[in-house]
């Protein structure tokens, strides 16, 4: 059975001596609960799932210390996703008296060390080296962000080969596992009533529990839409509004157009994020901001934009090398405002003062999104909030609204006959999200297009599963209302304040003459963003209705579709908006009813 943090909530969140802001040495309630369960059961394999920022490292090292002290194990091996995290683990272990060698490559380990810190890639290269070490002495293996062991067949096989003889194995993750069906080594899977095998955690501490305990910050998502124009590789010029119902390809191209540093969307969003950072710094003086970019060229361009906007240089982190690691450490210890990075800062890297983020990448897996947002949620004192700026893209808004959803890794794809594979797109993006270094992916050749122009429009605020705000131009009073939310607030105060801001916006809108309403002036909850999946369902529903009407009227499919377009207006079904599709569904239902 999976144990969740709720099982330890008969304890006070502050018991025993919980360290809510990461400053004290005693354990938080969930860490103690997980440790108690482990000590009681003494399992060989233990999987702990805890939300980013909750303190997985502290739990793991405390457990390692207990096992060493009680002579259950004689040495520790930590396996981390990146070089930077490997060093971070060694530094954290040293603070509680466990010496790990982060530079270990081969041969006997120095007598001063209790173990080693290595990467999954390193294990993949020399699995037998690590197996020999594990066989020689009783070993605890800590597998950090265990989903990386499924990144490739070779890594998974290497982990199995290297650590199968280990005395104890502790697997950690802070995010939904994976979108593919590669089994994760040393993880137990249980079959559900639906016949799908899912990962079974031994202890789970989700974002919702952590938020209630004030262990993590509440996240305010600020979403921006706007008009985009681009040229496809076929030479066609296309204009669309980000956030409006579109095909998957059109959403992708509009999204890339928005993130193009030569347009107006990115400068407008960076300007807004910098204003937000200034407001947050009134309550959190050392608060920092991070842009997560898709590639090196974009990262450099964003850093240049930040310098032009703020007058200050941004720390630029381009790849997972020794120099980048030092730049992250220097930024963490400084009072600088901005850092721009490509992917590598999205997972595990600990910069607790990051409070404002700009999601400027086209990666759209729930795993990567959760890892990215996880960089901003680590709370140091009560009342801190995090702010993340997003493009109005259906998938991202869905992830933002589902921050508290706990996910497991499914080995079997829930695919029904006639349905498109719900994981296919995610698998490809997963590979991209887990690349450790920036590299030429060939994407430009495959999807060659030219971004022509873009503009930003403040769209909505998402918080705790609810949406607030009305569309507003950058720099407007309405936008400033949301950018000016205090950086120190309790979660319930955030909700109340957002409700008040929206009510004020609606009242202000009603006083304006219709001629001034150049933006869609409806509250966010009445402007639903339609996903690609929902669009497919609407088209399927329309085609079903038309097919039924074919039998009733005796007219061919094409004739009925043409008549619907003539009466209702709009393009062919494949290009129609959600509203146009619903209108046609209603019309064909009306025709069918009349014929009965």
Protein backbone atom coordinates (compact mmCIF):
# COMPACT_ATOMS: atom_id res chain seq x y z
CA UNK A 1 0.00 0.00 0.00
CA UNK A 2 1.16 3.51 -0.74
CA UNK A 3 1.66 5.65 2.33
CA UNK A 4 0.95 9.33 1.89
CA UNK A 5 1.89 12.29 4.01
CA UNK A 6 -1.69 12.39 5.25
CA UNK A 7 -0.94 9.35 7.40
CA UNK A 8 1.47 11.40 9.49
CA UNK A 9 -0.79 14.41 9.73
CA UNK A 10 -2.06 13.32 13.14
CA UNK A 11 1.23 14.90 14.11
CA UNK A 12 1.47 18.64 14.07
CA UNK A 13 3.17 19.81 10.86
CA UNK A 14 5.75 21.29 13.24
CA UNK A 15 6.39 17.95 15.01
CA UNK A 16 9.00 16.74 15.70
CA UNK A 17 10.75 20.08 15.57
CA UNK A 18 9.94 20.43 11.89
CA UNK A 19 12.06 22.92 9.95
CA UNK A 20 9.47 24.71 7.81
CA UNK A 21 11.80 27.13 6.10
CA UNK A 22 14.81 24.90 5.52
CA UNK A 23 16.93 26.67 8.12
CA UNK A 24 16.90 24.24 11.05
CA UNK A 25 18.52 20.81 11.31
CA UNK A 26 15.50 18.81 12.52
CA UNK A 27 13.20 16.91 10.21
CA UNK A 28 9.92 18.05 8.77
CA UNK A 29 6.86 15.97 9.59
CA UNK A 30 6.80 14.14 6.25
CA UNK A 31 10.54 13.38 6.45
CA UNK A 32 10.09 11.91 9.94
CA UNK A 33 7.01 9.99 8.81
CA UNK A 34 8.87 8.46 5.86
CA UNK A 35 11.91 7.69 8.04
CA UNK A 36 9.74 6.01 10.69
CA UNK A 37 8.06 3.85 8.04
CA UNK A 38 11.44 2.84 6.63
CA UNK A 39 12.94 1.99 10.01
CA UNK A 40 9.87 -0.02 10.96
CA UNK A 41 9.73 -2.06 7.73
CA UNK A 42 13.45 -2.22 6.82
CA UNK A 43 12.77 -2.80 3.09
CA UNK A 44 15.49 -3.48 0.57
CA UNK A 45 13.83 -1.10 -1.92
CA UNK A 46 11.98 2.08 -0.93
CA UNK A 47 10.42 4.66 -3.28
CA UNK A 48 9.74 8.14 -1.88
CA UNK A 49 7.78 10.57 -4.05
CA UNK A 50 7.92 14.13 -2.70
CA UNK A 51 7.08 17.37 -4.46
CA UNK A 52 10.00 19.57 -5.61
CA UNK A 53 11.20 21.75 -2.77
CA UNK A 54 9.91 19.44 -0.01
CA UNK A 55 13.36 18.26 1.09
CA UNK A 56 14.05 14.86 -0.49
CA UNK A 57 17.81 15.32 -0.09
CA UNK A 58 17.56 15.90 3.67
CA UNK A 59 15.34 12.83 4.10
CA UNK A 60 17.67 10.63 2.04
CA UNK A 61 20.86 11.74 3.80
CA UNK A 62 19.27 11.39 7.25
CA UNK A 63 18.29 7.85 6.33
CA UNK A 64 21.81 7.20 5.00
CA UNK A 65 23.26 8.44 8.28
CA UNK A 66 20.95 6.13 10.26
CA UNK A 67 21.87 3.10 8.14
CA UNK A 68 25.61 3.83 8.45
CA UNK A 69 25.34 4.42 12.20
CA UNK A 70 23.48 1.13 12.74
CA UNK A 71 25.95 -0.74 10.46
CA UNK A 72 23.18 -1.82 8.10
CA UNK A 73 25.39 -0.49 5.31
CA UNK A 74 29.07 0.40 5.10
CA UNK A 75 29.05 2.85 2.20
CA UNK A 76 26.74 5.08 0.15
CA UNK A 77 26.42 5.61 -3.61
CA UNK A 78 24.32 8.55 -4.84
CA UNK A 79 23.24 8.53 -8.51
CA UNK A 80 22.09 11.94 -9.81
CA UNK A 81 20.91 13.17 -13.24
CA UNK A 82 23.62 15.81 -13.81
CA UNK A 83 27.17 16.80 -12.89
CA UNK A 84 25.89 19.84 -11.00
CA UNK A 85 23.47 17.77 -8.91
CA UNK A 86 26.18 15.21 -8.19
CA UNK A 87 28.31 17.96 -6.62
CA UNK A 88 25.28 19.40 -4.84
CA UNK A 89 24.62 16.03 -3.20
CA UNK A 90 28.25 15.76 -2.06
CA UNK A 91 28.10 19.24 -0.51
CA UNK A 92 24.81 18.49 1.28
CA UNK A 93 26.15 15.17 2.59
CA UNK A 94 29.31 16.82 3.92
CA UNK A 95 27.17 19.14 6.05
CA UNK A 96 25.88 16.18 8.07
CA UNK A 97 29.19 14.35 8.23
CA UNK A 98 28.88 12.00 5.25
CA UNK A 99 31.80 12.41 2.85
CA UNK A 100 30.98 11.53 -0.77
CA UNK A 101 33.53 11.76 -3.59
CA UNK A 102 31.88 13.60 -6.53
CA UNK A 103 34.97 13.17 -8.71
CA UNK A 104 35.26 9.40 -8.42
CA UNK A 105 36.01 7.67 -11.73
CA UNK A 106 37.79 4.35 -10.97
CA UNK A 107 39.94 2.43 -8.53
CA UNK A 108 39.79 2.22 -4.73
CA UNK A 109 38.02 4.98 -2.84
CA UNK A 110 39.97 7.18 -0.45
CA UNK A 111 39.71 6.10 3.22
CA UNK A 112 38.24 9.47 4.18
CA UNK A 113 35.12 8.91 2.08
CA UNK A 114 31.88 7.14 2.98
CA UNK A 115 30.94 6.71 -0.67
CA UNK A 116 30.61 8.33 -4.08
CA UNK A 117 28.26 10.61 -6.02
CA UNK A 118 27.94 9.71 -9.72
CA UNK A 119 25.62 10.42 -12.66
CA UNK A 120 23.29 8.03 -14.50
CA UNK A 121 25.42 8.61 -17.59
CA UNK A 122 28.53 7.63 -15.64
CA UNK A 123 26.90 4.41 -14.46
CA UNK A 124 25.82 3.75 -18.04
CA UNK A 125 29.43 3.91 -19.22
CA UNK A 126 30.92 1.63 -16.53
CA UNK A 127 28.25 -0.44 -14.77
CA UNK A 128 30.65 -3.23 -13.74
CA UNK A 129 32.91 -0.76 -11.92
CA UNK A 130 30.00 0.19 -9.67
CA UNK A 131 28.78 -3.41 -9.33
CA UNK A 132 32.21 -4.45 -8.04
CA UNK A 133 32.11 -1.68 -5.42
CA UNK A 134 28.59 -2.69 -4.35
CA UNK A 135 29.59 -6.38 -4.07
CA UNK A 136 32.69 -5.63 -1.97
CA UNK A 137 30.89 -3.71 0.80
CA UNK A 138 27.30 -3.40 2.01
CA UNK A 139 25.96 -0.41 0.09
CA UNK A 140 23.02 1.99 0.19
CA UNK A 141 22.29 3.26 -3.33
CA UNK A 142 20.31 6.53 -3.51
CA UNK A 143 18.77 6.96 -6.97
CA UNK A 144 17.84 10.64 -7.28
CA UNK A 145 15.06 11.48 -9.77
CA UNK A 146 14.78 7.76 -10.51
CA UNK A 147 12.78 8.31 -13.73
CA UNK A 148 16.11 9.10 -15.44
CA UNK A 149 17.02 5.42 -15.15
CA UNK A 150 14.38 4.88 -17.84
CA UNK A 151 15.74 7.54 -20.20
CA UNK A 152 17.31 4.91 -22.40
CA UNK A 153 17.47 1.15 -22.45
CA UNK A 154 21.21 1.25 -21.77
CA UNK A 155 20.83 3.42 -18.65
CA UNK A 156 18.11 1.22 -17.19
CA UNK A 157 20.09 -1.94 -17.90
CA UNK A 158 23.25 -0.36 -16.48
CA UNK A 159 21.48 0.56 -13.23
CA UNK A 160 20.10 -2.97 -12.92
CA UNK A 161 23.51 -4.48 -13.58
CA UNK A 162 25.38 -2.12 -11.28
CA UNK A 163 23.06 -2.02 -8.28
CA UNK A 164 21.24 -5.37 -8.29
CA UNK A 165 23.57 -6.65 -5.48
CA UNK A 166 23.08 -3.52 -3.30
CA UNK A 167 22.08 -4.10 0.32
CA UNK A 168 19.58 -1.21 0.26
CA UNK A 169 18.19 1.00 -2.54
CA UNK A 170 16.36 4.29 -1.98
CA UNK A 171 14.61 5.75 -5.05
CA UNK A 172 13.53 9.41 -5.06
CA UNK A 173 11.44 11.50 -7.43
CA UNK A 174 9.62 14.78 -7.18
CA UNK A 175 7.59 14.73 -10.37
CA UNK A 176 5.27 12.55 -12.48
CA UNK A 177 7.35 9.68 -13.72
CA UNK A 178 7.42 9.33 -17.46
CA UNK A 179 5.16 9.43 -20.48
CA UNK A 180 6.67 6.29 -22.01
CA UNK A 181 6.48 2.67 -20.88
CA UNK A 182 10.15 2.00 -20.10
CA UNK A 183 10.11 0.17 -16.74
CA UNK A 184 12.06 1.99 -14.02
CA UNK A 185 14.63 -0.23 -12.27
CA UNK A 186 13.88 -1.18 -8.64
CA UNK A 187 10.36 0.31 -8.80
CA UNK A 188 7.37 -1.88 -7.95
CA UNK A 189 4.33 -1.79 -10.24
CA UNK A 190 0.81 -2.76 -9.20
CA UNK A 191 -2.06 -3.54 -11.56
CA UNK A 192 -5.18 -1.43 -11.07
CA UNK A 193 -8.82 -2.30 -11.71
CA UNK A 194 -8.41 -0.97 -15.26
CA UNK A 195 -5.66 -3.52 -15.99
CA UNK A 196 -2.94 -0.85 -16.12
CA UNK A 197 0.20 -1.39 -14.06
CA UNK A 198 1.31 1.74 -12.22
CA UNK A 199 4.29 2.57 -10.05
CA UNK A 200 3.66 2.04 -6.34
CA UNK A 201 5.36 4.54 -4.03
CA UNK A 202 6.16 3.57 -0.45
CA UNK A 203 5.70 7.16 0.72
CA UNK A 204 4.12 10.10 -1.09
CA UNK A 205 4.19 13.78 -0.11
CA UNK A 206 2.40 15.82 -2.77
CA UNK A 207 2.35 19.53 -3.55
CA UNK A 208 -1.08 19.92 -1.90
CA UNK A 209 0.19 18.50 1.40
CA UNK A 210 3.38 20.56 1.22
CA UNK A 211 1.41 23.74 0.50
CA UNK A 212 -0.89 23.11 3.47
CA UNK A 213 2.20 22.61 5.66
CA UNK A 214 3.82 25.84 4.35
CA UNK A 215 6.76 23.77 3.13
CA UNK A 216 6.39 25.13 -0.43
CA UNK A 217 5.22 28.43 -1.85
CA UNK A 218 1.86 28.90 -3.56
CA UNK A 219 2.38 29.52 -7.29
CA UNK A 220 0.66 32.33 -9.18
CA UNK A 221 0.70 31.67 -12.95
CA UNK A 222 0.41 34.74 -15.20
CA UNK A 223 -0.59 33.80 -18.74
CA UNK A 224 -0.09 35.95 -21.85
CA UNK A 225 -1.77 35.54 -25.23
CA UNK A 226 -1.58 37.87 -28.25
CA UNK A 227 -1.64 37.98 -32.05
CA UNK A 228 1.03 35.97 -33.90
CA UNK A 229 2.00 35.94 -37.57
CA UNK A 230 4.40 33.50 -39.22
CA UNK A 231 5.38 32.03 -42.59
CA UNK A 232 5.36 28.25 -43.04
CA UNK A 233 8.02 26.41 -45.01
CA UNK A 234 5.41 26.11 -47.78
CA UNK A 235 5.49 29.91 -48.01
CA UNK A 236 2.01 30.49 -46.53
CA UNK A 237 1.55 33.40 -44.14
CA UNK A 238 -0.63 32.52 -41.15
CA UNK A 239 -2.01 34.80 -38.47
CA UNK A 240 -3.56 33.50 -35.25
CA UNK A 241 -4.15 34.50 -31.66
CA UNK A 242 -2.28 32.48 -29.07
CA UNK A 243 -4.81 30.65 -26.91
CA UNK A 244 -7.54 30.40 -29.54
CA UNK A 245 -8.59 26.89 -30.63
CA UNK A 246 -6.18 25.68 -33.34
CA UNK A 247 -4.73 22.48 -34.72
CA UNK A 248 -1.76 21.01 -32.85
CA UNK A 249 0.68 22.20 -35.56
CA UNK A 250 -0.75 25.72 -35.51
CA UNK A 251 -0.51 25.89 -31.70
CA UNK A 252 3.12 24.80 -31.92
CA UNK A 253 3.99 27.39 -34.57
CA UNK A 254 2.12 30.22 -32.80
CA UNK A 255 3.92 29.27 -29.58
CA UNK A 256 7.33 29.35 -31.29
CA UNK A 257 6.45 32.69 -32.84
CA UNK A 258 5.66 34.10 -29.38
CA UNK A 259 9.02 32.92 -28.01
CA UNK A 260 10.99 34.45 -30.91
CA UNK A 261 13.18 37.14 -29.27
CA UNK A 262 12.83 39.39 -32.35
CA UNK A 263 9.08 39.84 -31.82
CA UNK A 264 7.28 41.95 -29.25
CA UNK A 265 5.84 39.10 -27.14
CA UNK A 266 9.02 38.15 -25.28
CA UNK A 267 10.16 41.73 -24.51
CA UNK A 268 6.67 42.54 -23.18
CA UNK A 269 6.57 39.43 -20.98
CA UNK A 270 10.13 39.94 -19.71
CA UNK A 271 9.27 43.56 -18.88
CA UNK A 272 6.19 42.40 -16.96
CA UNK A 273 8.17 39.68 -15.16
CA UNK A 274 10.81 42.22 -14.14
CA UNK A 275 8.08 44.48 -12.73
CA UNK A 276 6.73 41.50 -10.83
CA UNK A 277 10.22 40.78 -9.49
CA UNK A 278 10.51 44.37 -8.23
CA UNK A 279 7.21 43.97 -6.36
CA UNK A 280 8.21 40.58 -4.91
CA UNK A 281 11.53 42.06 -3.72
CA UNK A 282 9.64 44.44 -1.45
CA UNK A 283 8.84 41.40 0.70
CA UNK A 284 11.69 39.08 -0.38
CA UNK A 285 14.71 41.42 -0.83
CA UNK A 286 17.00 38.82 -2.45
CA UNK A 287 14.35 37.29 -4.76
CA UNK A 288 15.69 36.19 -8.14
CA UNK A 289 14.13 35.41 -11.51
CA UNK A 290 14.83 32.68 -14.07
CA UNK A 291 14.05 32.34 -17.78
CA UNK A 292 13.98 28.72 -18.98
CA UNK A 293 14.87 28.86 -22.69
CA UNK A 294 14.63 26.26 -25.46
CA UNK A 295 18.12 26.63 -26.93
CA UNK A 296 21.40 28.51 -26.64
CA UNK A 297 20.65 31.15 -29.27
CA UNK A 298 17.35 32.05 -27.64
CA UNK A 299 18.97 32.13 -24.20
CA UNK A 300 21.61 34.60 -25.39
CA UNK A 301 18.96 36.76 -27.03
CA UNK A 302 16.81 36.75 -23.87
CA UNK A 303 19.82 37.73 -21.76
CA UNK A 304 20.44 40.65 -24.13
CA UNK A 305 16.78 41.71 -23.88
CA UNK A 306 16.95 41.60 -20.07
CA UNK A 307 20.00 43.86 -20.10
CA UNK A 308 18.21 46.32 -22.41
CA UNK A 309 15.06 46.27 -20.26
CA UNK A 310 16.65 46.38 -16.80
CA UNK A 311 20.09 47.87 -17.38
CA UNK A 312 21.58 44.89 -15.51
CA UNK A 313 23.40 41.85 -16.84
CA UNK A 314 21.70 38.44 -16.54
CA UNK A 315 23.62 35.31 -15.52
CA UNK A 316 23.70 33.04 -18.57
CA UNK A 317 23.84 29.24 -18.09
CA UNK A 318 24.20 27.46 -21.40
CA UNK A 319 25.19 23.87 -20.71
CA UNK A 320 25.84 21.42 -17.94
CA UNK A 321 29.60 21.91 -17.57
CA UNK A 322 31.84 22.93 -14.69
CA UNK A 323 31.64 26.61 -15.64
CA UNK A 324 27.85 26.54 -15.71
CA UNK A 325 27.76 24.87 -12.32
CA UNK A 326 29.87 27.65 -10.81
CA UNK A 327 27.68 30.32 -12.43
CA UNK A 328 24.61 28.76 -10.82
CA UNK A 329 26.35 28.68 -7.42
CA UNK A 330 27.52 32.29 -7.81
CA UNK A 331 24.02 33.43 -8.76
CA UNK A 332 22.52 31.53 -5.82
CA UNK A 333 24.87 33.27 -3.38
CA UNK A 334 24.47 36.73 -4.95
CA UNK A 335 21.75 39.36 -4.94
CA UNK A 336 21.53 39.49 -8.77
CA UNK A 337 18.07 39.72 -10.31
CA UNK A 338 18.06 37.50 -13.42
CA UNK A 339 19.37 34.17 -14.67
CA UNK A 340 18.72 32.66 -18.13
CA UNK A 341 19.26 28.93 -18.63
CA UNK A 342 18.66 26.14 -21.13
CA UNK A 343 16.89 23.15 -19.56
CA UNK A 344 19.55 22.18 -17.00
CA UNK A 345 18.15 24.40 -14.24
CA UNK A 346 14.72 22.82 -14.64
CA UNK A 347 15.40 19.86 -12.37
CA UNK A 348 16.89 19.45 -8.94
CA UNK A 349 19.12 22.53 -8.94
CA UNK A 350 18.64 24.32 -5.66
CA UNK A 351 18.48 28.12 -5.87
CA UNK A 352 15.99 28.84 -3.05
CA UNK A 353 15.78 32.57 -3.74
CA UNK A 354 14.22 32.05 -7.21
CA UNK A 355 10.69 33.46 -6.93
CA UNK A 356 9.81 34.60 -10.47
CA UNK A 357 10.00 32.44 -13.61
CA UNK A 358 9.41 32.78 -17.33
CA UNK A 359 8.57 29.52 -19.11
CA UNK A 360 10.11 30.29 -22.51
CA UNK A 361 10.45 26.80 -23.93
CA UNK A 362 8.18 24.74 -26.18
CA UNK A 363 8.59 21.55 -24.13
CA UNK A 364 5.13 20.51 -22.97
CA UNK A 365 5.38 17.31 -20.95
CA UNK A 366 3.85 17.32 -17.46
CA UNK A 367 7.18 16.00 -16.13
CA UNK A 368 9.28 18.87 -17.48
CA UNK A 369 6.67 21.47 -16.48
CA UNK A 370 6.55 20.18 -12.91
CA UNK A 371 10.35 20.14 -12.71
CA UNK A 372 10.56 23.67 -14.07
CA UNK A 373 7.94 25.06 -11.68
CA UNK A 374 9.68 23.15 -8.89
CA UNK A 375 12.59 25.62 -9.14
CA UNK A 376 10.39 28.39 -7.71
CA UNK A 377 8.38 26.70 -4.96
CA UNK A 378 11.00 26.14 -2.25
CA UNK A 379 9.83 28.19 0.73
CA UNK A 380 12.23 29.79 3.17
CA UNK A 381 9.78 31.68 5.34
CA UNK A 382 6.06 31.81 5.75
CA UNK A 383 4.06 33.86 3.25
CA UNK A 384 6.43 33.75 0.27
CA UNK A 385 4.74 33.34 -3.13
CA UNK A 386 6.11 32.26 -6.51
CA UNK A 387 5.13 33.78 -9.87
CA UNK A 388 5.53 31.97 -13.20
CA UNK A 389 4.84 33.65 -16.58
CA UNK A 390 3.43 31.39 -19.32
CA UNK A 391 2.19 31.63 -22.91
CA UNK A 392 -1.53 30.87 -23.19
CA UNK A 393 -1.11 27.31 -24.47
CA UNK A 394 -3.79 24.73 -23.53
CA UNK A 395 -1.37 22.07 -22.27
CA UNK A 396 0.52 24.51 -20.04
CA UNK A 397 -2.66 25.96 -18.58
CA UNK A 398 -3.89 22.43 -17.86
CA UNK A 399 -0.64 21.61 -16.04
CA UNK A 400 -0.86 24.87 -14.08
CA UNK A 401 -4.40 24.03 -12.98
CA UNK A 402 -3.37 20.51 -11.94
CA UNK A 403 -0.39 21.35 -9.74
CA UNK A 404 -1.78 19.21 -6.91
CA UNK A 405 -2.52 16.12 -9.02
CA UNK A 406 -0.34 13.16 -8.00
CA UNK A 407 0.70 10.95 -10.91
CA UNK A 408 2.25 7.51 -11.13
CA UNK A 409 4.20 5.90 -13.93
CA UNK A 410 1.94 3.68 -16.06
CA UNK A 411 3.56 0.71 -17.79
CA UNK A 412 0.53 0.06 -20.00
CA UNK A 413 -0.87 2.69 -22.34
CA UNK A 414 -4.61 3.27 -21.85
CA UNK A 415 -5.34 3.25 -25.57
CA UNK A 416 -8.69 2.31 -27.04
CA UNK A 417 -9.38 1.26 -30.59
CA UNK A 418 -9.83 4.26 -32.86
CA UNK A 419 -8.21 6.73 -30.45
CA UNK A 420 -4.93 8.46 -31.13
CA UNK A 421 -2.06 7.53 -28.83
CA UNK A 422 -2.23 9.98 -25.89
CA UNK A 423 1.46 9.46 -25.14
CA UNK A 424 3.03 9.67 -28.59
CA UNK A 425 3.66 13.42 -28.59
CA UNK A 426 4.77 13.37 -24.98
CA UNK A 427 7.39 10.67 -25.57
CA UNK A 428 9.20 12.76 -28.16
CA UNK A 429 9.14 15.81 -25.89
CA UNK A 430 10.32 13.69 -22.97
CA UNK A 431 13.49 12.82 -24.86
CA UNK A 432 14.06 16.52 -25.51
CA UNK A 433 13.35 17.47 -21.89
CA UNK A 434 15.90 15.05 -20.50
CA UNK A 435 18.85 15.99 -22.72
CA UNK A 436 21.63 17.08 -20.41
CA UNK A 437 23.45 19.29 -22.87
CA UNK A 438 22.31 21.70 -25.51
CA UNK A 439 22.59 20.10 -28.91
CA UNK A 440 21.38 20.44 -32.47
CA UNK A 441 18.10 18.52 -32.54
CA UNK A 442 17.40 19.10 -36.23
CA UNK A 443 14.08 20.69 -35.29
CA UNK A 444 14.71 23.76 -37.42
CA UNK A 445 14.99 21.64 -40.56
CA UNK A 446 11.97 19.52 -39.73
CA UNK A 447 9.70 22.43 -38.85
CA UNK A 448 11.31 25.29 -40.78
CA UNK A 449 9.25 28.42 -40.54
CA UNK A 450 9.78 32.14 -40.10
CA UNK A 451 8.28 34.10 -37.22
CA UNK A 452 7.14 37.42 -38.67
CA UNK A 453 5.63 39.34 -35.78
CA UNK A 454 4.11 38.89 -32.35
CA UNK A 455 2.43 40.96 -29.68
CA UNK A 456 1.62 40.19 -26.06
CA UNK A 457 -1.71 40.55 -24.28
CA UNK A 458 -2.15 39.87 -20.58
CA UNK A 459 -4.65 37.01 -20.57
CA UNK A 460 -5.33 35.59 -17.12
CA UNK A 461 -3.99 34.54 -13.73
CA UNK A 462 -4.21 30.91 -12.65
CA UNK A 463 -4.09 30.04 -8.98
CA UNK A 464 -5.15 26.96 -7.04
CA UNK A 465 -7.15 25.54 -9.95
CA UNK A 466 -9.11 28.79 -10.54
CA UNK A 467 -8.68 31.47 -13.22
CA UNK A 468 -8.91 35.23 -12.77
CA UNK A 469 -8.60 38.41 -14.80
CA UNK A 470 -9.68 39.91 -18.10
CA UNK A 471 -7.50 40.55 -21.13
CA UNK A 472 -5.41 43.72 -20.94
CA UNK A 473 -2.61 45.43 -22.87
CA UNK A 474 0.93 45.31 -21.43
CA UNK A 475 1.54 48.37 -19.30
CA UNK A 476 -2.18 48.96 -18.69
CA UNK A 477 -3.66 49.63 -15.27
CA UNK A 478 -5.44 46.26 -15.41
CA UNK A 479 -2.17 44.36 -15.95
CA UNK A 480 -0.45 46.34 -13.18
CA UNK A 481 -3.21 45.23 -10.80
CA UNK A 482 -1.94 41.65 -11.04
CA UNK A 483 1.78 42.40 -11.33
CA UNK A 484 1.48 44.41 -8.11
CA UNK A 485 0.20 41.57 -5.92
CA UNK A 486 2.41 41.53 -2.78
CA UNK A 487 5.17 38.90 -2.68
CA UNK A 488 4.37 37.94 0.92
CA UNK A 489 0.86 36.53 1.32
CA UNK A 490 -0.82 33.51 2.86
CA UNK A 491 -2.46 31.17 0.28
CA UNK A 492 -6.01 32.18 1.26
CA UNK A 493 -5.03 35.86 1.03
CA UNK A 494 -3.82 35.30 -2.57
CA UNK A 495 -7.21 33.84 -3.53
CA UNK A 496 -9.12 36.70 -1.89
CA UNK A 497 -6.94 39.36 -3.47
CA UNK A 498 -7.29 37.85 -6.96
CA UNK A 499 -11.07 37.77 -6.59
CA UNK A 500 -11.07 41.45 -5.59
CA UNK A 501 -8.81 42.44 -8.49
CA UNK A 502 -11.03 40.68 -11.00
CA UNK A 503 -14.20 42.23 -9.55
CA UNK A 504 -12.57 45.66 -9.88
CA UNK A 505 -11.60 44.91 -13.49
CA UNK A 506 -15.14 43.84 -14.38
CA UNK A 507 -16.63 46.95 -12.77
CA UNK A 508 -14.16 49.17 -14.64
CA UNK A 509 -14.95 47.41 -17.93
CA UNK A 510 -18.68 48.01 -17.55
CA UNK A 511 -18.13 51.75 -17.27
CA UNK A 512 -16.22 51.96 -20.57
CA UNK A 513 -18.07 52.69 -23.83
CA UNK A 514 -18.27 49.73 -26.24
CA UNK A 515 -16.06 51.58 -28.73
CA UNK A 516 -13.10 51.29 -26.30
CA UNK A 517 -13.42 47.53 -25.85
CA UNK A 518 -10.69 46.47 -28.28
CA UNK A 519 -9.95 43.31 -26.28
CA UNK A 520 -12.23 40.43 -25.37
CA UNK A 521 -13.64 41.71 -22.08
CA UNK A 522 -14.85 38.54 -20.40
CA UNK A 523 -13.61 37.08 -17.08
CA UNK A 524 -11.06 34.28 -17.52
CA UNK A 525 -13.42 31.54 -16.34
CA UNK A 526 -15.78 32.44 -19.20
CA UNK A 527 -12.95 32.26 -21.78
CA UNK A 528 -12.00 28.58 -21.65
CA UNK A 529 -8.87 27.59 -23.53
CA UNK A 530 -9.76 24.58 -25.69
CA UNK A 531 -7.18 21.80 -25.94
CA UNK A 532 -6.30 19.84 -29.06
CA UNK A 533 -8.02 16.80 -27.54
CA UNK A 534 -11.24 18.77 -26.98
CA UNK A 535 -11.09 20.03 -30.57
CA UNK A 536 -10.82 16.44 -31.79
CA UNK A 537 -13.85 15.51 -29.71
CA UNK A 538 -15.88 18.38 -31.19
CA UNK A 539 -14.94 17.38 -34.76
CA UNK A 540 -15.78 13.76 -33.96
CA UNK A 541 -19.14 14.82 -32.50
CA UNK A 542 -19.92 16.94 -35.59
CA UNK A 543 -19.02 14.08 -37.95
CA UNK A 544 -21.19 11.67 -35.94
CA UNK A 545 -24.13 14.08 -36.10
CA UNK A 546 -23.65 14.61 -39.85
CA UNK A 547 -23.45 10.83 -40.44
CA UNK A 548 -26.70 10.34 -38.56
CA UNK A 549 -28.33 13.13 -40.59
CA UNK A 550 -27.09 11.52 -43.84
CA UNK A 551 -29.26 8.47 -43.12
CA UNK A 552 -32.19 10.68 -42.15
CA UNK A 553 -32.03 13.12 -45.08
CA UNK A 554 -30.50 11.00 -47.83
CA UNK A 555 -28.00 13.77 -48.66
CA UNK A 556 -24.24 13.05 -49.03
CA UNK A 557 -21.81 14.04 -46.25
CA UNK A 558 -20.13 16.71 -48.39
CA UNK A 559 -23.41 18.42 -49.20
CA UNK A 560 -24.39 18.64 -45.52
CA UNK A 561 -20.98 20.02 -44.48
CA UNK A 562 -21.15 22.62 -47.27
CA UNK A 563 -24.65 23.64 -46.21
CA UNK A 564 -23.52 23.98 -42.58
CA UNK A 565 -20.66 26.26 -43.67
CA UNK A 566 -23.04 28.35 -45.77
CA UNK A 567 -25.55 28.77 -42.94
CA UNK A 568 -23.13 29.10 -40.00
CA UNK A 569 -20.13 30.64 -41.76
CA UNK A 570 -16.47 29.85 -41.20
CA UNK A 571 -13.81 27.60 -42.77
CA UNK A 572 -13.84 23.80 -43.26
CA UNK A 573 -14.19 21.69 -40.11
CA UNK A 574 -10.46 21.00 -39.90
CA UNK A 575 -9.77 24.74 -39.52
CA UNK A 576 -12.94 25.80 -37.66
CA UNK A 577 -12.82 27.15 -34.10
CA UNK A 578 -14.47 25.42 -31.16
CA UNK A 579 -17.30 27.95 -31.25
CA UNK A 580 -17.92 27.38 -34.97
CA UNK A 581 -17.95 23.60 -34.48
CA UNK A 582 -20.45 23.87 -31.62
CA UNK A 583 -22.63 26.14 -33.75
CA UNK A 584 -22.66 23.57 -36.58
CA UNK A 585 -23.44 20.74 -34.13
CA UNK A 586 -26.41 22.72 -32.81
CA UNK A 587 -27.59 23.49 -36.37
CA UNK A 588 -27.48 19.88 -37.58
CA UNK A 589 -29.31 18.82 -34.40
CA UNK A 590 -31.97 21.42 -35.20
CA UNK A 591 -32.33 20.06 -38.77
CA UNK A 592 -32.61 16.48 -37.50
CA UNK A 593 -35.27 17.43 -34.96
CA UNK A 594 -37.38 19.14 -37.64
CA UNK A 595 -37.39 16.00 -39.81
CA UNK A 596 -38.76 13.73 -37.11
